[in-house]
Amino acid sequence: MKKYLLFLAVLLIANVNGQRFCGTDQKMNEFFANNPNALAKKQDLRNYLTTKNTTAKNTQTVVTIPVVVHVLYKNAAQNISDAQIASQIAVLNADFRKLNSDYSSVVPDAFKPFAADMELVFCMATKKSDGSSTTGIERKSVATSFSFPNNYYQSSGLVAWDPTKYLNIWVGDMPNPYLGWAYLPDAAGYAFDGLAIGYNYFGTTGAAQYPYNGGRTATHEIGHYFGLLHPWGEDGSACGTADNDDGCADTPAISDAHYGGNVFPDNAYTCVPSANGAMFMNFMDYVTDTEMALFTNDQKTIKTNTMNGPRASLLNSNACSFLSVNNIEKVNSINLFPNPTTQYISIASPLAKINEVEIFNAEGRLVKKATINNETDKIDVRDFATGVYYVRTYNNKEFVKSMKFIKK
């Protein structure tokens, strides 16, 4: 309730205080309201993303993510330069590799043992889906009346390039109070999947405006894209409630966002006050760009599980370069998730083609056959009895790999 009241207040004052306001929670609430089946599967996916030591690991350590930037502009100032776009990619590559120059000065020594190299690299797409060359940037002039937050991904804006192969970023005139938003992996593959961000909060040069001209709004939002929540969990949560949990034991639980000017240690919003206080300098909090500087090891676990599961298809994109993998790598890349499950399973197979699945119970009886296309396809197992099941995967009738899962 506290954050909803804050949201209304920020709307009324049109963000005159310059506070960061992320639209991800609002957009995910709308997504789940419009997709009740996704809402039913939400907890299974969350359990999978936050589970450590998953048995399936992608063979790549540092993963390269192809990016396409869609610029929707109403005037010359909003038609941001290639240099401004390049400055944002540079920030992402520093922040997600723990190479940001401000890390040592911003992160207190007490929190440095928890800091993680997320092992993600971002590159501008060099190939379109049809194989033709591209700079990874497309631009479109839109009318003054164009509603960026409602239409950025529509034909009146710029339609996403295949969201299973590219990270789509839309840059435009983002209205107050939002700086931007990105959809969590629950929405992987939908037409709006990706990052929507204000032109004046993107990158470090050109039209980027203080205090959000450090490129950290995109870092924060793309954290959501890889499954990370705010340190306080979901909006409207309070200490001790189910939603007051980001799934990361190494980010101290808090009841509200930090908006900048905090001094370590700060226990103003910590659910359990401690000598170190809140990790307000985490990229997933709301402080200004110069005050955030780290992701944590548990946040990296979520990122890794996201890349092994709902966003695994990004691993087989050759939008930045051609892939060269052997058969062992192809088979090892196949993963079943979530496991255990109550609602559904999906098969992540970024490097090997899978189009058919057979599921057998513990007695060896075939209980289901399904045809799949990619990681976004979900096989319904709600009616299965509790127990262990075995999965055989095929490509055009040729056996590829067997796995098992537990139905709760």
Protein backbone atom coordinates (compact mmCIF):
# COMPACT_ATOMS: atom_id res chain seq x y z
CA MET A 1 0.00 0.00 0.00
CA LYS A 2 2.86 2.34 0.85
CA LYS A 3 4.28 2.19 -2.69
CA TYR A 4 0.88 2.61 -4.34
CA LEU A 5 0.36 5.83 -2.39
CA LEU A 6 3.82 6.92 -3.43
CA PHE A 7 2.94 6.15 -7.06
CA LEU A 8 -0.10 8.43 -6.87
CA ALA A 9 1.92 11.18 -5.25
CA VAL A 10 4.61 10.98 -7.91
CA LEU A 11 1.98 11.16 -10.63
CA LEU A 12 0.59 14.36 -9.14
CA ILE A 13 3.91 16.11 -8.86
CA ALA A 14 5.05 14.91 -12.32
CA ASN A 15 8.29 13.61 -10.93
CA VAL A 16 9.59 17.10 -10.12
CA ASN A 17 11.91 15.65 -7.49
CA GLY A 18 13.62 13.51 -10.12
CA GLN A 19 13.06 10.23 -8.27
CA ARG A 20 13.61 6.98 -10.11
CA PHE A 21 10.37 5.15 -10.81
CA CYS A 22 10.43 1.77 -12.55
CA GLY A 23 7.30 0.55 -14.31
CA THR A 24 8.11 -3.17 -14.26
CA ASP A 25 5.85 -4.10 -11.34
CA GLN A 26 2.94 -2.21 -12.89
CA LYS A 27 3.49 -3.79 -16.30
CA MET A 28 3.83 -7.29 -14.86
CA ASN A 29 0.60 -6.80 -12.88
CA GLU A 30 -1.11 -5.87 -16.15
CA PHE A 31 0.49 -8.85 -17.90
CA PHE A 32 -0.69 -11.34 -15.29
CA ALA A 33 -4.18 -9.79 -15.22
CA ASN A 34 -4.42 -10.29 -18.99
CA ASN A 35 -2.77 -13.74 -18.92
CA PRO A 36 -4.21 -15.79 -16.05
CA ASN A 37 -2.45 -18.92 -17.31
CA ALA A 38 0.89 -17.16 -16.88
CA LEU A 39 -0.15 -16.09 -13.39
CA ALA A 40 -0.89 -19.72 -12.50
CA LYS A 41 2.62 -20.68 -13.61
CA LYS A 42 4.33 -17.73 -11.92
CA GLN A 43 5.35 -19.45 -8.69
CA ASP A 44 6.76 -22.54 -10.42
CA LEU A 45 9.00 -20.33 -12.54
CA ARG A 46 10.02 -18.20 -9.55
CA ASN A 47 11.01 -21.31 -7.61
CA TYR A 48 13.12 -22.47 -10.53
CA LEU A 49 14.85 -19.12 -11.01
CA THR A 50 15.87 -18.82 -7.37
CA THR A 51 17.10 -22.41 -6.92
CA LYS A 52 20.88 -22.76 -6.64
CA ASN A 53 23.01 -25.55 -8.10
CA THR A 54 20.75 -26.54 -10.95
CA THR A 55 22.04 -29.65 -12.69
CA ALA A 56 21.83 -28.20 -16.20
CA LYS A 57 24.37 -25.51 -17.06
CA ASN A 58 24.92 -23.82 -20.37
CA THR A 59 28.40 -24.54 -21.71
CA GLN A 60 29.14 -20.88 -22.32
CA THR A 61 30.54 -18.92 -19.37
CA VAL A 62 30.24 -15.39 -20.69
CA VAL A 63 27.07 -15.08 -22.75
CA THR A 64 26.73 -12.50 -25.53
CA ILE A 65 23.29 -10.93 -25.90
CA PRO A 66 22.36 -9.42 -29.30
CA VAL A 67 20.61 -6.05 -28.98
CA VAL A 68 18.39 -4.13 -31.37
CA VAL A 69 17.50 -0.53 -30.49
CA HIS A 70 14.25 0.92 -31.84
CA VAL A 71 14.26 4.73 -31.69
CA LEU A 72 10.81 6.37 -31.81
CA TYR A 73 11.14 10.13 -31.96
CA LYS A 74 8.79 13.12 -32.05
CA ASN A 75 11.51 15.72 -32.61
CA ALA A 76 15.21 15.95 -33.35
CA ALA A 77 16.20 15.88 -29.66
CA GLN A 78 14.49 12.51 -29.20
CA ASN A 79 16.20 11.03 -32.27
CA ILE A 80 19.19 10.04 -30.18
CA SER A 81 22.57 9.62 -31.84
CA ASP A 82 24.46 6.42 -32.53
CA ALA A 83 27.02 7.73 -30.03
CA GLN A 84 24.40 7.92 -27.27
CA ILE A 85 23.34 4.35 -28.02
CA ALA A 86 26.97 3.18 -28.00
CA SER A 87 27.51 4.86 -24.63
CA GLN A 88 24.63 2.83 -23.16
CA ILE A 89 25.98 -0.47 -24.48
CA ALA A 90 29.35 0.40 -22.94
CA VAL A 91 27.72 0.95 -19.54
CA LEU A 92 25.87 -2.36 -19.75
CA ASN A 93 29.07 -4.21 -20.62
CA ALA A 94 30.87 -2.66 -17.66
CA ASP A 95 28.05 -3.13 -15.13
CA PHE A 96 27.20 -6.74 -16.03
CA ARG A 97 30.89 -7.77 -15.95
CA LYS A 98 31.69 -5.96 -12.65
CA LEU A 99 34.04 -3.70 -14.57
CA ASN A 100 32.31 -0.42 -13.72
CA SER A 101 34.92 2.13 -12.66
CA ASP A 102 32.85 3.33 -9.69
CA TYR A 103 32.52 -0.13 -8.11
CA SER A 104 35.31 0.28 -5.56
CA SER A 105 34.27 3.75 -4.44
CA VAL A 106 30.50 3.16 -4.26
CA VAL A 107 30.31 -0.36 -2.79
CA PRO A 108 31.26 -0.57 0.92
CA ASP A 109 33.88 -3.17 1.84
CA ALA A 110 31.25 -5.05 3.84
CA PHE A 111 29.26 -5.81 0.68
CA LYS A 112 32.13 -6.47 -1.75
CA PRO A 113 32.29 -10.23 -0.97
CA PHE A 114 28.73 -10.53 -2.32
CA ALA A 115 29.39 -8.73 -5.62
CA ALA A 116 29.19 -10.77 -8.82
CA ASP A 117 30.39 -10.67 -12.39
CA MET A 118 27.11 -11.47 -14.17
CA GLU A 119 29.06 -12.76 -17.19
CA LEU A 120 26.83 -11.06 -19.73
CA VAL A 121 28.08 -9.06 -22.72
CA PHE A 122 25.85 -6.98 -24.98
CA CYS A 123 26.48 -6.37 -28.66
CA MET A 124 24.58 -4.48 -31.33
CA ALA A 125 22.98 -6.96 -33.73
CA THR A 126 24.84 -7.31 -37.01
CA LYS A 127 22.33 -9.65 -38.65
CA LYS A 128 18.58 -9.49 -39.04
CA SER A 129 16.44 -12.61 -38.73
CA ASP A 130 16.68 -13.12 -42.50
CA GLY A 131 20.48 -13.00 -42.36
CA SER A 132 20.84 -9.58 -43.93
CA SER A 133 23.23 -7.04 -42.41
CA THR A 134 22.16 -4.41 -39.89
CA THR A 135 23.59 -1.87 -37.49
CA GLY A 136 21.13 -3.05 -34.83
CA ILE A 137 19.44 0.36 -34.83
CA GLU A 138 16.20 1.39 -36.50
CA ARG A 139 14.46 4.74 -36.31
CA LYS A 140 10.97 6.05 -36.90
CA SER A 141 9.45 9.52 -36.72
CA VAL A 142 6.11 9.49 -34.89
CA ALA A 143 3.42 12.10 -34.36
CA THR A 144 3.45 14.40 -31.34
CA SER A 145 0.31 12.60 -30.15
CA PHE A 146 1.99 9.17 -30.31
CA SER A 147 1.66 7.30 -26.98
CA PHE A 148 5.04 5.66 -26.48
CA PRO A 149 4.11 3.51 -23.44
CA ASN A 150 1.03 2.06 -25.13
CA ASN A 151 2.19 1.71 -28.72
CA TYR A 152 5.97 1.36 -28.81
CA TYR A 153 5.80 -2.32 -29.91
CA GLN A 154 2.75 -1.93 -32.18
CA SER A 155 2.85 -1.38 -35.94
CA SER A 156 2.29 2.33 -35.24
CA GLY A 157 5.62 2.17 -33.39
CA LEU A 158 8.32 -0.37 -34.26
CA VAL A 159 7.54 -4.08 -34.06
CA ALA A 160 9.97 -6.25 -32.11
CA TRP A 161 12.54 -8.32 -33.90
CA ASP A 162 12.17 -11.98 -32.88
CA PRO A 163 12.20 -11.63 -29.05
CA THR A 164 13.55 -15.17 -28.68
CA LYS A 165 16.72 -14.14 -30.56
CA TYR A 166 17.19 -10.45 -29.69
CA LEU A 167 16.95 -8.18 -26.68
CA ASN A 168 14.64 -5.48 -28.03
CA ILE A 169 15.12 -1.98 -26.60
CA TRP A 170 12.60 0.74 -27.44
CA VAL A 171 13.72 4.33 -26.80
CA GLY A 172 11.21 7.16 -26.87
CA ASP A 173 9.24 9.81 -25.02
CA MET A 174 8.55 8.10 -21.69
CA PRO A 175 5.98 10.06 -19.66
CA ASN A 176 6.30 10.77 -15.95
CA PRO A 177 6.60 9.12 -13.53
CA TYR A 178 8.38 6.30 -15.33
CA LEU A 179 11.99 6.14 -16.43
CA GLY A 180 11.48 2.76 -18.05
CA TRP A 181 10.46 -0.87 -17.61
CA ALA A 182 11.39 -4.35 -18.76
CA TYR A 183 9.36 -7.53 -18.63
CA LEU A 184 10.36 -10.45 -16.43
CA PRO A 185 11.02 -13.89 -18.02
CA ASP A 186 7.36 -14.83 -17.43
CA ALA A 187 6.62 -12.74 -20.54
CA ALA A 188 9.44 -14.19 -22.67
CA GLY A 189 8.55 -14.18 -26.35
CA TYR A 190 5.60 -11.77 -26.18
CA ALA A 191 5.44 -8.90 -28.66
CA PHE A 192 6.31 -6.33 -25.97
CA ASP A 193 9.10 -8.38 -24.35
CA GLY A 194 12.21 -6.27 -23.81
CA LEU A 195 13.08 -2.82 -22.47
CA ALA A 196 11.11 0.42 -22.96
CA ILE A 197 13.00 3.49 -21.78
CA GLY A 198 12.95 7.27 -21.96
CA TYR A 199 15.34 8.82 -24.49
CA ASN A 200 16.66 11.15 -21.76
CA TYR A 201 17.53 8.25 -19.43
CA PHE A 202 19.45 6.22 -22.00
CA GLY A 203 23.23 6.28 -22.16
CA THR A 204 25.66 8.90 -20.88
CA THR A 205 25.79 11.55 -23.57
CA GLY A 206 23.59 13.47 -26.00
CA ALA A 207 20.04 13.85 -24.70
CA ALA A 208 20.67 11.95 -21.45
CA GLN A 209 19.75 14.14 -18.47
CA TYR A 210 21.15 14.36 -14.95
CA PRO A 211 20.79 12.61 -12.51
CA TYR A 212 19.97 9.64 -14.78
CA ASN A 213 22.67 10.17 -17.38
CA GLY A 214 24.87 7.34 -16.15
CA GLY A 215 23.12 4.60 -18.12
CA ARG A 216 21.98 2.82 -14.96
CA THR A 217 18.26 2.92 -15.76
CA ALA A 218 18.91 0.40 -18.54
CA THR A 219 21.14 -1.66 -16.22
CA HIS A 220 18.35 -1.77 -13.64
CA GLU A 221 15.61 -2.63 -16.13
CA ILE A 222 17.63 -5.27 -17.97
CA GLY A 223 18.19 -6.83 -14.55
CA HIS A 224 14.42 -7.37 -14.54
CA TYR A 225 14.63 -8.86 -18.04
CA PHE A 226 16.93 -11.54 -16.61
CA GLY A 227 14.57 -12.27 -13.71
CA LEU A 228 15.73 -9.94 -10.93
CA LEU A 229 13.24 -8.25 -8.62
CA HIS A 230 13.63 -5.11 -6.54
CA PRO A 231 15.27 -5.79 -3.16
CA TRP A 232 11.92 -5.25 -1.45
CA GLY A 233 10.25 -7.86 -3.68
CA GLU A 234 7.05 -6.79 -5.37
CA ASP A 235 5.30 -3.45 -4.96
CA GLY A 236 2.89 -3.20 -2.07
CA SER A 237 4.83 -5.72 0.03
CA ALA A 238 5.84 -5.22 3.65
CA CYS A 239 8.34 -6.95 5.90
CA GLY A 240 7.21 -10.46 6.72
CA THR A 241 4.79 -10.80 3.78
CA ALA A 242 5.18 -13.36 1.02
CA ASP A 243 5.86 -10.71 -1.62
CA ASN A 244 8.64 -9.08 0.43
CA ASP A 245 11.26 -11.36 -1.10
CA ASP A 246 13.53 -10.97 -4.12
CA GLY A 247 14.77 -14.55 -3.81
CA CYS A 248 18.28 -13.40 -2.89
CA ALA A 249 19.61 -14.11 0.59
CA ASP A 250 22.57 -11.78 0.00
CA THR A 251 20.45 -8.67 -0.56
CA PRO A 252 19.15 -7.60 2.88
CA ALA A 253 15.35 -7.48 2.95
CA ILE A 254 13.90 -3.98 2.93
CA SER A 255 10.38 -2.58 3.03
CA ASP A 256 10.81 0.33 0.64
CA ALA A 257 13.02 1.84 -2.04
CA HIS A 258 15.99 4.14 -1.52
CA TYR A 259 15.96 7.24 -3.70
CA GLY A 260 19.47 8.54 -3.18
CA GLY A 261 21.56 10.45 -0.67
CA ASN A 262 21.81 7.44 1.64
CA VAL A 263 24.82 6.96 3.90
CA PHE A 264 26.21 3.51 4.76
CA PRO A 265 25.11 1.89 7.00
CA ASP A 266 21.42 2.73 6.53
CA ASN A 267 18.71 0.83 8.41
CA ALA A 268 15.78 3.11 7.61
CA TYR A 269 13.93 0.39 5.69
CA THR A 270 15.72 -2.83 6.64
CA CYS A 271 13.40 -5.58 7.85
CA VAL A 272 16.12 -6.82 10.20
CA PRO A 273 18.46 -3.97 11.19
CA SER A 274 22.13 -4.91 11.11
CA ALA A 275 25.61 -3.41 11.33
CA ASN A 276 25.75 -3.15 7.52
CA GLY A 277 22.17 -2.05 6.92
CA ALA A 278 20.59 -2.02 3.47
CA MET A 279 22.39 -2.70 0.19
CA PHE A 280 20.95 0.49 -1.27
CA MET A 281 23.79 0.66 -3.83
CA ASN A 282 22.49 -2.48 -5.57
CA PHE A 283 21.55 -1.96 -9.23
CA MET A 284 17.99 -3.12 -8.47
CA ASP A 285 17.25 -0.35 -5.93
CA TYR A 286 16.08 3.15 -6.90
CA VAL A 287 19.08 5.35 -6.05
CA THR A 288 20.53 7.71 -8.65
CA ASP A 289 22.97 6.51 -11.30
CA THR A 290 26.12 7.51 -9.40
CA GLU A 291 24.96 5.67 -6.25
CA MET A 292 24.35 2.15 -7.63
CA ALA A 293 27.22 -0.17 -8.49
CA LEU A 294 26.72 -3.93 -7.96
CA PHE A 295 24.83 -7.13 -8.59
CA THR A 296 25.19 -10.02 -6.13
CA ASN A 297 25.98 -13.73 -6.34
CA ASP A 298 22.36 -14.73 -5.68
CA GLN A 299 21.21 -12.33 -8.37
CA LYS A 300 23.67 -14.06 -10.69
CA THR A 301 22.04 -17.40 -9.82
CA ILE A 302 18.72 -16.03 -11.06
CA LYS A 303 20.37 -14.71 -14.23
CA THR A 304 22.02 -18.08 -14.89
CA ASN A 305 18.78 -19.99 -14.38
CA THR A 306 17.02 -17.54 -16.68
CA MET A 307 19.61 -18.24 -19.38
CA ASN A 308 19.26 -22.00 -18.80
CA GLY A 309 15.48 -21.73 -19.00
CA PRO A 310 13.04 -19.12 -20.29
CA ARG A 311 15.65 -17.07 -22.18
CA ALA A 312 17.87 -19.95 -23.34
CA SER A 313 16.91 -19.26 -26.97
CA LEU A 314 19.18 -16.20 -26.85
CA LEU A 315 22.10 -18.61 -26.70
CA ASN A 316 21.55 -19.82 -30.27
CA SER A 317 21.18 -16.39 -31.82
CA ASN A 318 23.85 -15.62 -34.40
CA ALA A 319 22.75 -11.99 -34.58
CA CYS A 320 26.20 -10.81 -33.52
CA SER A 321 28.36 -13.67 -34.82
CA PHE A 322 28.11 -17.19 -36.22
CA LEU A 323 27.87 -20.06 -33.77
CA SER A 324 30.23 -23.02 -33.78
CA VAL A 325 29.29 -25.83 -31.40
CA ASN A 326 29.79 -29.58 -31.30
CA ASN A 327 27.21 -32.30 -30.68
CA ILE A 328 28.17 -32.72 -27.01
CA GLU A 329 27.62 -29.01 -26.40
CA LYS A 330 24.28 -29.22 -28.17
CA VAL A 331 23.04 -32.07 -25.98
CA ASN A 332 24.44 -30.57 -22.77
CA SER A 333 22.62 -27.32 -23.48
CA ILE A 334 19.21 -29.01 -23.21
CA ASN A 335 17.45 -28.33 -19.91
CA LEU A 336 14.02 -29.04 -18.43
CA PHE A 337 12.40 -26.42 -16.20
CA PRO A 338 10.90 -25.72 -13.71
CA ASN A 339 11.80 -28.78 -11.69
CA PRO A 340 10.07 -29.63 -9.35
CA THR A 341 6.83 -28.28 -10.78
CA THR A 342 3.10 -28.10 -10.12
CA GLN A 343 1.75 -26.58 -13.33
CA TYR A 344 3.96 -27.10 -16.40
CA ILE A 345 7.35 -27.95 -17.84
CA SER A 346 9.30 -26.33 -20.66
CA ILE A 347 12.28 -27.62 -22.61
CA ALA A 348 15.16 -25.20 -23.13
CA SER A 349 17.21 -26.36 -26.11
CA PRO A 350 19.20 -23.41 -27.42
CA LEU A 351 21.73 -25.34 -29.49
CA ALA A 352 19.85 -28.50 -30.54
CA LYS A 353 16.57 -28.70 -32.40
CA ILE A 354 13.77 -30.35 -30.38
CA ASN A 355 10.26 -30.65 -31.77
CA GLU A 356 8.69 -33.59 -29.95
CA VAL A 357 8.47 -34.66 -26.31
CA GLU A 358 7.25 -37.88 -24.70
CA ILE A 359 6.53 -38.10 -20.97
CA PHE A 360 6.49 -41.43 -19.11
CA ASN A 361 5.46 -42.13 -15.53
CA ALA A 362 7.57 -44.11 -13.04
CA GLU A 363 6.00 -47.35 -14.32
CA GLY A 364 7.23 -46.64 -17.84
CA ARG A 365 3.79 -45.86 -19.24
CA LEU A 366 3.52 -43.09 -21.82
CA VAL A 367 1.25 -40.42 -20.33
CA LYS A 368 1.69 -37.52 -22.74
CA LYS A 369 3.14 -36.51 -26.10
CA ALA A 370 3.67 -32.89 -27.08
CA THR A 371 5.01 -30.87 -29.98
CA ILE A 372 7.19 -27.87 -29.11
CA ASN A 373 8.90 -25.04 -30.93
CA ASN A 374 11.00 -23.26 -28.31
CA GLU A 375 11.49 -22.42 -24.62
CA THR A 376 8.32 -20.35 -24.47
CA ASP A 377 6.15 -23.44 -25.12
CA LYS A 378 4.71 -24.87 -21.91
CA ILE A 379 3.56 -28.47 -21.47
CA ASP A 380 0.66 -28.69 -19.04
CA VAL A 381 1.18 -31.28 -16.27
CA ARG A 382 -1.40 -30.01 -13.78
CA ASP A 383 -3.41 -33.24 -14.02
CA PHE A 384 -0.43 -35.50 -13.41
CA ALA A 385 -0.30 -37.40 -10.13
CA THR A 386 2.44 -36.51 -7.70
CA GLY A 387 5.66 -38.37 -8.48
CA VAL A 388 8.67 -38.73 -10.76
CA TYR A 389 8.31 -38.56 -14.55
CA TYR A 390 10.73 -39.23 -17.39
CA VAL A 391 10.99 -37.14 -20.53
CA ARG A 392 12.37 -38.21 -23.91
CA THR A 393 13.07 -35.52 -26.50
CA TYR A 394 13.21 -35.96 -30.26
CA ASN A 395 14.10 -34.06 -33.40
CA ASN A 396 12.06 -35.35 -36.34
CA LYS A 397 11.60 -38.74 -34.63
CA GLU A 398 15.32 -39.02 -33.82
CA PHE A 399 16.02 -39.38 -30.10
CA VAL A 400 18.08 -36.53 -28.61
CA LYS A 401 18.09 -36.65 -24.80
CA SER A 402 16.21 -38.04 -21.77
CA MET A 403 15.54 -36.17 -18.52
CA LYS A 404 13.32 -36.47 -15.46
CA PHE A 405 11.23 -34.14 -13.32
CA ILE A 406 9.23 -34.22 -10.13
CA LYS A 407 5.53 -33.33 -10.12
CA LYS A 408 4.45 -31.99 -6.74
